[in-house]
C-alpha atoms as a PDB file:
ATOM      1  CA  UNK A   1      68.060 165.543 188.183  1.00  0.00           C
ATOM      2  CA  UNK A   2      67.951 169.239 189.919  1.00  0.00           C
ATOM      3  CA  UNK A   3      65.499 169.235 193.086  1.00  0.00           C
ATOM      4  CA  UNK A   4      62.797 171.697 190.927  1.00  0.00           C
ATOM      5  CA  UNK A   5      62.682 168.564 188.262  1.00  0.00           C
ATOM      6  CA  UNK A   6      62.204 166.209 191.378  1.00  0.00           C
ATOM      7  CA  UNK A   7      59.627 168.505 192.719  1.00  0.00           C
ATOM      8  CA  UNK A   8      57.834 168.569 189.197  1.00  0.00           C
ATOM      9  CA  UNK A   9      58.252 164.724 188.698  1.00  0.00           C
ATOM     10  CA  UNK A  10      56.508 163.908 192.095  1.00  0.00           C
ATOM     11  CA  UNK A  11      53.629 166.706 191.417  1.00  0.00           C
ATOM     12  CA  UNK A  12      53.020 164.939 188.154  1.00  0.00           C
ATOM     13  CA  UNK A  13      52.938 161.444 189.797  1.00  0.00           C
ATOM     14  CA  UNK A  14      50.556 162.823 192.637  1.00  0.00           C
ATOM     15  CA  UNK A  15      48.415 164.278 189.916  1.00  0.00           C
ATOM     16  CA  UNK A  16      48.179 161.314 187.658  1.00  0.00           C
ATOM     17  CA  UNK A  17      47.377 159.231 190.756  1.00  0.00           C
ATOM     18  CA  UNK A  18      44.932 161.601 191.990  1.00  0.00           C
ATOM     19  CA  UNK A  19      43.138 161.571 188.337  1.00  0.00           C
ATOM     20  CA  UNK A  20      43.051 157.869 188.455  1.00  0.00           C
ATOM     21  CA  UNK A  21      41.335 157.718 191.503  1.00  0.00           C
ATOM     22  CA  UNK A  22      38.787 160.580 190.727  1.00  0.00           C
ATOM     23  CA  UNK A  23      37.835 158.219 187.793  1.00  0.00           C
ATOM     24  CA  UNK A  24      36.870 155.396 189.817  1.00  0.00           C
ATOM     25  CA  UNK A  25      33.316 155.013 190.358  1.00  0.00           C
ATOM     26  CA  UNK A  26      31.524 152.329 192.079  1.00  0.00           C
ATOM     27  CA  UNK A  27      30.067 149.324 189.984  1.00  0.00           C
ATOM     28  CA  UNK A  28      27.469 147.965 192.343  1.00  0.00           C
ATOM     29  CA  UNK A  29      25.903 147.897 195.816  1.00  0.00           C
ATOM     30  CA  UNK A  30      26.982 145.738 198.706  1.00  0.00           C
ATOM     31  CA  UNK A  31      24.482 142.759 199.471  1.00  0.00           C
ATOM     32  CA  UNK A  32      23.686 141.720 203.158  1.00  0.00           C
ATOM     33  CA  UNK A  33      23.008 138.187 204.158  1.00  0.00           C
ATOM     34  CA  UNK A  34      21.869 138.651 207.852  1.00  0.00           C
ATOM     35  CA  UNK A  35      22.841 135.914 210.609  1.00  0.00           C
ATOM     36  CA  UNK A  36      19.161 135.726 211.193  1.00  0.00           C
ATOM     37  CA  UNK A  37      18.590 134.806 207.478  1.00  0.00           C
ATOM     38  CA  UNK A  38      21.224 131.916 207.860  1.00  0.00           C
ATOM     39  CA  UNK A  39      19.867 130.605 211.054  1.00  0.00           C
ATOM     40  CA  UNK A  40      16.274 130.469 209.638  1.00  0.00           C
ATOM     41  CA  UNK A  41      17.521 128.717 206.548  1.00  0.00           C
ATOM     42  CA  UNK A  42      19.391 126.082 208.757  1.00  0.00           C
ATOM     43  CA  UNK A  43      16.320 125.723 210.879  1.00  0.00           C
ATOM     44  CA  UNK A  44      13.900 125.487 208.090  1.00  0.00           C
ATOM     45  CA  UNK A  45      15.855 122.206 206.887  1.00  0.00           C
ATOM     46  CA  UNK A  46      17.407 120.929 209.691  1.00  0.00           C
ATOM     47  CA  UNK A  47      15.197 117.738 209.658  1.00  0.00           C
ATOM     48  CA  UNK A  48      16.937 116.870 206.149  1.00  0.00           C
ATOM     49  CA  UNK A  49      19.786 114.669 206.117  1.00  0.00           C
ATOM     50  CA  UNK A  50      21.376 116.883 203.589  1.00  0.00           C
ATOM     51  CA  UNK A  51      19.806 120.566 202.468  1.00  0.00           C
ATOM     52  CA  UNK A  52      21.800 122.942 200.417  1.00  0.00           C
ATOM     53  CA  UNK A  53      19.879 126.541 200.699  1.00  0.00           C
ATOM     54  CA  UNK A  54      20.841 129.469 198.170  1.00  0.00           C
ATOM     55  CA  UNK A  55      20.318 132.558 199.756  1.00  0.00           C
ATOM     56  CA  UNK A  56      21.234 135.053 197.181  1.00  0.00           C
ATOM     57  CA  UNK A  57      23.137 134.853 193.800  1.00  0.00           C
ATOM     58  CA  UNK A  58      24.213 138.755 193.216  1.00  0.00           C
ATOM     59  CA  UNK A  59      25.607 140.228 190.032  1.00  0.00           C
ATOM     60  CA  UNK A  60      28.994 141.767 190.667  1.00  0.00           C
ATOM     61  CA  UNK A  61      30.685 144.529 188.449  1.00  0.00           C
ATOM     62  CA  UNK A  62      27.492 145.245 186.223  1.00  0.00           C
ATOM     63  CA  UNK A  63      26.958 141.423 185.821  1.00  0.00           C
ATOM     64  CA  UNK A  64      30.505 140.855 184.910  1.00  0.00           C
ATOM     65  CA  UNK A  65      30.322 137.620 187.062  1.00  0.00           C
ATOM     66  CA  UNK A  66      28.031 136.251 189.853  1.00  0.00           C
ATOM     67  CA  UNK A  67      28.391 135.346 193.535  1.00  0.00           C
ATOM     68  CA  UNK A  68      25.768 132.820 195.261  1.00  0.00           C
ATOM     69  CA  UNK A  69      25.795 132.778 198.860  1.00  0.00           C
ATOM     70  CA  UNK A  70      24.148 129.970 200.973  1.00  0.00           C
ATOM     71  CA  UNK A  71      24.107 127.361 203.613  1.00  0.00           C
ATOM     72  CA  UNK A  72      24.270 123.825 203.847  1.00  0.00           C
ATOM     73  CA  UNK A  73      23.205 121.442 206.475  1.00  0.00           C
ATOM     74  CA  UNK A  74      24.453 117.841 206.593  1.00  0.00           C
ATOM     75  CA  UNK A  75      23.395 115.351 209.226  1.00  0.00           C
ATOM     76  CA  UNK A  76      25.502 112.912 210.983  1.00  0.00           C
ATOM     77  CA  UNK A  77      26.622 110.286 208.790  1.00  0.00           C
ATOM     78  CA  UNK A  78      27.781 107.239 211.462  1.00  0.00           C
ATOM     79  CA  UNK A  79      26.449 103.799 210.117  1.00  0.00           C
ATOM     80  CA  UNK A  80      24.712 104.947 206.896  1.00  0.00           C
ATOM     81  CA  UNK A  81      25.520 105.833 203.306  1.00  0.00           C
ATOM     82  CA  UNK A  82      26.548 109.417 202.933  1.00  0.00           C
ATOM     83  CA  UNK A  83      26.599 109.612 199.211  1.00  0.00           C
ATOM     84  CA  UNK A  84      29.505 110.294 196.812  1.00  0.00           C
ATOM     85  CA  UNK A  85      31.643 112.872 195.441  1.00  0.00           C
ATOM     86  CA  UNK A  86      30.681 115.723 193.416  1.00  0.00           C
ATOM     87  CA  UNK A  87      32.622 118.372 191.220  1.00  0.00           C
ATOM     88  CA  UNK A  88      31.511 121.501 189.680  1.00  0.00           C
ATOM     89  CA  UNK A  89      32.877 122.509 186.295  1.00  0.00           C
ATOM     90  CA  UNK A  90      32.397 126.359 186.460  1.00  0.00           C
ATOM     91  CA  UNK A  91      32.058 127.052 189.745  1.00  0.00           C
ATOM     92  CA  UNK A  92      34.625 127.927 192.796  1.00  0.00           C
ATOM     93  CA  UNK A  93      33.140 126.950 196.037  1.00  0.00           C
ATOM     94  CA  UNK A  94      34.332 128.400 199.685  1.00  0.00           C
ATOM     95  CA  UNK A  95      33.192 126.491 202.492  1.00  0.00           C
ATOM     96  CA  UNK A  96      33.122 128.287 206.301  1.00  0.00           C
ATOM     97  CA  UNK A  97      32.476 125.876 208.785  1.00  0.00           C
ATOM     98  CA  UNK A  98      29.816 127.427 211.504  1.00  0.00           C
ATOM     99  CA  UNK A  99      29.127 124.291 213.413  1.00  0.00           C
ATOM    100  CA  UNK A 100      29.938 120.693 213.597  1.00  0.00           C
ATOM    101  CA  UNK A 101      32.886 118.528 212.895  1.00  0.00           C
ATOM    102  CA  UNK A 102      33.713 116.165 209.605  1.00  0.00           C
ATOM    103  CA  UNK A 103      36.361 114.507 207.549  1.00  0.00           C
ATOM    104  CA  UNK A 104      36.423 116.534 204.181  1.00  0.00           C
ATOM    105  CA  UNK A 105      38.245 114.991 200.896  1.00  0.00           C
ATOM    106  CA  UNK A 106      39.230 117.092 197.841  1.00  0.00           C
ATOM    107  CA  UNK A 107      41.168 116.073 194.745  1.00  0.00           C
ATOM    108  CA  UNK A 108      41.315 112.688 193.247  1.00  0.00           C
ATOM    109  CA  UNK A 109      38.906 111.096 191.232  1.00  0.00           C
ATOM    110  CA  UNK A 110      35.332 110.265 191.408  1.00  0.00           C
ATOM    111  CA  UNK A 111      34.302 106.680 190.994  1.00  0.00           C
ATOM    112  CA  UNK A 112      31.749 105.928 188.413  1.00  0.00           C
ATOM    113  CA  UNK A 113      31.198 109.722 187.468  1.00  0.00           C
ATOM    114  CA  UNK A 114      27.938 110.888 186.048  1.00  0.00           C
ATOM    115  CA  UNK A 115      26.940 114.466 184.775  1.00  0.00           C
ATOM    116  CA  UNK A 116      23.883 115.784 186.981  1.00  0.00           C
ATOM    117  CA  UNK A 117      21.160 116.508 184.864  1.00  0.00           C
ATOM    118  CA  UNK A 118      21.030 120.062 183.604  1.00  0.00           C
ATOM    119  CA  UNK A 119      17.281 120.552 184.519  1.00  0.00           C
ATOM    120  CA  UNK A 120      17.608 119.994 188.484  1.00  0.00           C
ATOM    121  CA  UNK A 121      17.484 122.679 191.064  1.00  0.00           C
ATOM    122  CA  UNK A 122      21.193 121.962 191.831  1.00  0.00           C
ATOM    123  CA  UNK A 123      22.630 122.863 188.535  1.00  0.00           C
ATOM    124  CA  UNK A 124      20.286 125.579 187.756  1.00  0.00           C
ATOM    125  CA  UNK A 125      20.370 127.534 191.070  1.00  0.00           C
ATOM    126  CA  UNK A 126      22.972 126.150 193.433  1.00  0.00           C
ATOM    127  CA  UNK A 127      26.424 124.824 191.588  1.00  0.00           C
ATOM    128  CA  UNK A 128      25.797 124.933 187.740  1.00  0.00           C
ATOM    129  CA  UNK A 129      27.025 121.889 185.770  1.00  0.00           C
ATOM    130  CA  UNK A 130      28.407 119.056 188.033  1.00  0.00           C
ATOM    131  CA  UNK A 131      29.719 115.592 188.065  1.00  0.00           C
ATOM    132  CA  UNK A 132      28.730 113.226 190.777  1.00  0.00           C
ATOM    133  CA  UNK A 133      29.340 109.504 191.449  1.00  0.00           C
ATOM    134  CA  UNK A 134      30.638 107.165 194.231  1.00  0.00           C
ATOM    135  CA  UNK A 135      33.500 107.894 196.542  1.00  0.00           C
ATOM    136  CA  UNK A 136      36.652 110.309 195.890  1.00  0.00           C
ATOM    137  CA  UNK A 137      39.596 108.130 195.645  1.00  0.00           C
ATOM    138  CA  UNK A 138      43.158 109.412 196.060  1.00  0.00           C
ATOM    139  CA  UNK A 139      42.189 112.799 197.305  1.00  0.00           C
ATOM    140  CA  UNK A 140      43.489 114.880 200.636  1.00  0.00           C
ATOM    141  CA  UNK A 141      41.691 114.169 203.635  1.00  0.00           C
ATOM    142  CA  UNK A 142      41.452 116.676 206.466  1.00  0.00           C
ATOM    143  CA  UNK A 143      39.234 117.068 209.533  1.00  0.00           C
ATOM    144  CA  UNK A 144      37.343 120.464 209.613  1.00  0.00           C
ATOM    145  CA  UNK A 145      35.496 122.191 212.175  1.00  0.00           C
ATOM    146  CA  UNK A 146      33.959 125.636 213.346  1.00  0.00           C
ATOM    147  CA  UNK A 147      35.753 128.600 211.584  1.00  0.00           C
ATOM    148  CA  UNK A 148      37.655 126.443 209.229  1.00  0.00           C
ATOM    149  CA  UNK A 149      37.629 127.610 205.531  1.00  0.00           C
ATOM    150  CA  UNK A 150      38.220 125.179 202.388  1.00  0.00           C
ATOM    151  CA  UNK A 151      38.247 126.867 198.872  1.00  0.00           C
ATOM    152  CA  UNK A 152      37.215 124.587 196.365  1.00  0.00           C
ATOM    153  CA  UNK A 153      38.094 125.247 192.607  1.00  0.00           C
ATOM    154  CA  UNK A 154      36.174 124.221 189.455  1.00  0.00           C
ATOM    155  CA  UNK A 155      36.699 120.484 188.489  1.00  0.00           C
ATOM    156  CA  UNK A 156      37.732 119.365 191.889  1.00  0.00           C
ATOM    157  CA  UNK A 157      36.097 116.364 193.398  1.00  0.00           C
ATOM    158  CA  UNK A 158      35.022 116.990 197.082  1.00  0.00           C
ATOM    159  CA  UNK A 159      33.487 114.731 199.677  1.00  0.00           C
ATOM    160  CA  UNK A 160      32.452 114.028 203.112  1.00  0.00           C
ATOM    161  CA  UNK A 161      33.710 110.879 204.447  1.00  0.00           C
ATOM    162  CA  UNK A 162      32.355 111.295 207.833  1.00  0.00           C
ATOM    163  CA  UNK A 163      30.433 113.813 209.868  1.00  0.00           C
ATOM    164  CA  UNK A 164      31.411 112.913 213.783  1.00  0.00           C
ATOM    165  CA  UNK A 165      28.909 115.492 215.421  1.00  0.00           C
ATOM    166  CA  UNK A 166      25.105 115.358 215.129  1.00  0.00           C
ATOM    167  CA  UNK A 167      25.415 117.900 212.180  1.00  0.00           C
ATOM    168  CA  UNK A 168      27.809 120.041 210.133  1.00  0.00           C
ATOM    169  CA  UNK A 169      26.351 123.451 208.818  1.00  0.00           C
ATOM    170  CA  UNK A 170      28.668 125.614 206.800  1.00  0.00           C
ATOM    171  CA  UNK A 171      28.215 128.780 204.739  1.00  0.00           C
ATOM    172  CA  UNK A 172      29.301 128.596 201.181  1.00  0.00           C
ATOM    173  CA  UNK A 173      29.960 131.346 198.977  1.00  0.00           C
ATOM    174  CA  UNK A 174      29.996 130.303 195.517  1.00  0.00           C
ATOM    175  CA  UNK A 175      32.061 132.214 192.548  1.00  0.00           C
ATOM    176  CA  UNK A 176      30.610 131.982 189.190  1.00  0.00           C
ATOM    177  CA  UNK A 177      32.500 133.675 186.444  1.00  0.00           C
ATOM    178  CA  UNK A 178      30.486 132.073 183.630  1.00  0.00           C
ATOM    179  CA  UNK A 179      27.255 133.164 185.103  1.00  0.00           C
ATOM    180  CA  UNK A 180      25.332 129.995 185.108  1.00  0.00           C
ATOM    181  CA  UNK A 181      23.727 130.888 188.412  1.00  0.00           C
ATOM    182  CA  UNK A 182      20.648 133.170 188.157  1.00  0.00           C
ATOM    183  CA  UNK A 183      21.520 136.616 189.275  1.00  0.00           C
ATOM    184  CA  UNK A 184      19.067 138.107 191.414  1.00  0.00           C
ATOM    185  CA  UNK A 185      17.780 135.074 193.152  1.00  0.00           C
ATOM    186  CA  UNK A 186      17.019 135.357 196.485  1.00  0.00           C
ATOM    187  CA  UNK A 187      15.298 132.458 198.942  1.00  0.00           C
ATOM    188  CA  UNK A 188      11.522 132.946 199.637  1.00  0.00           C
END
């Protein structure tokens, strides 16, 4: 190839790339959730043994899918029943631990599984269709604490077997490709 042909090919490539870039348009707006909002949600429900507060559910890319953002508070579990495992059939959850330490199990199987009623707040606003039950057996156990992140795909049982500090608080991001959560939701 001659130098002039190489230059022409490079110019065409840059031109096409420029056209593709110029055609890109934003599909939505950013959504902010402030530290103050997260802290207020934690304070509002700190006395409850378990509190899961949806702060926002946002439609992404012209409502192509939804993303929920919430905060969860769980009190120390030493010496009392901490409930059982759960899995969500359509939601991926991402936990980012803000405060506290716990033992967390993912995978395996939930003993005595039972679908969560469709008319509950948990299904309608927090995590969509879900199955809960007894302990998770055969999963992977890990210690988690401040700064740790766990990504939990749909249909993955998960369960806190122990909370070793007074509480564990974590930010949860819920990726909702099937739009089962209510876009536009905001905590009041």
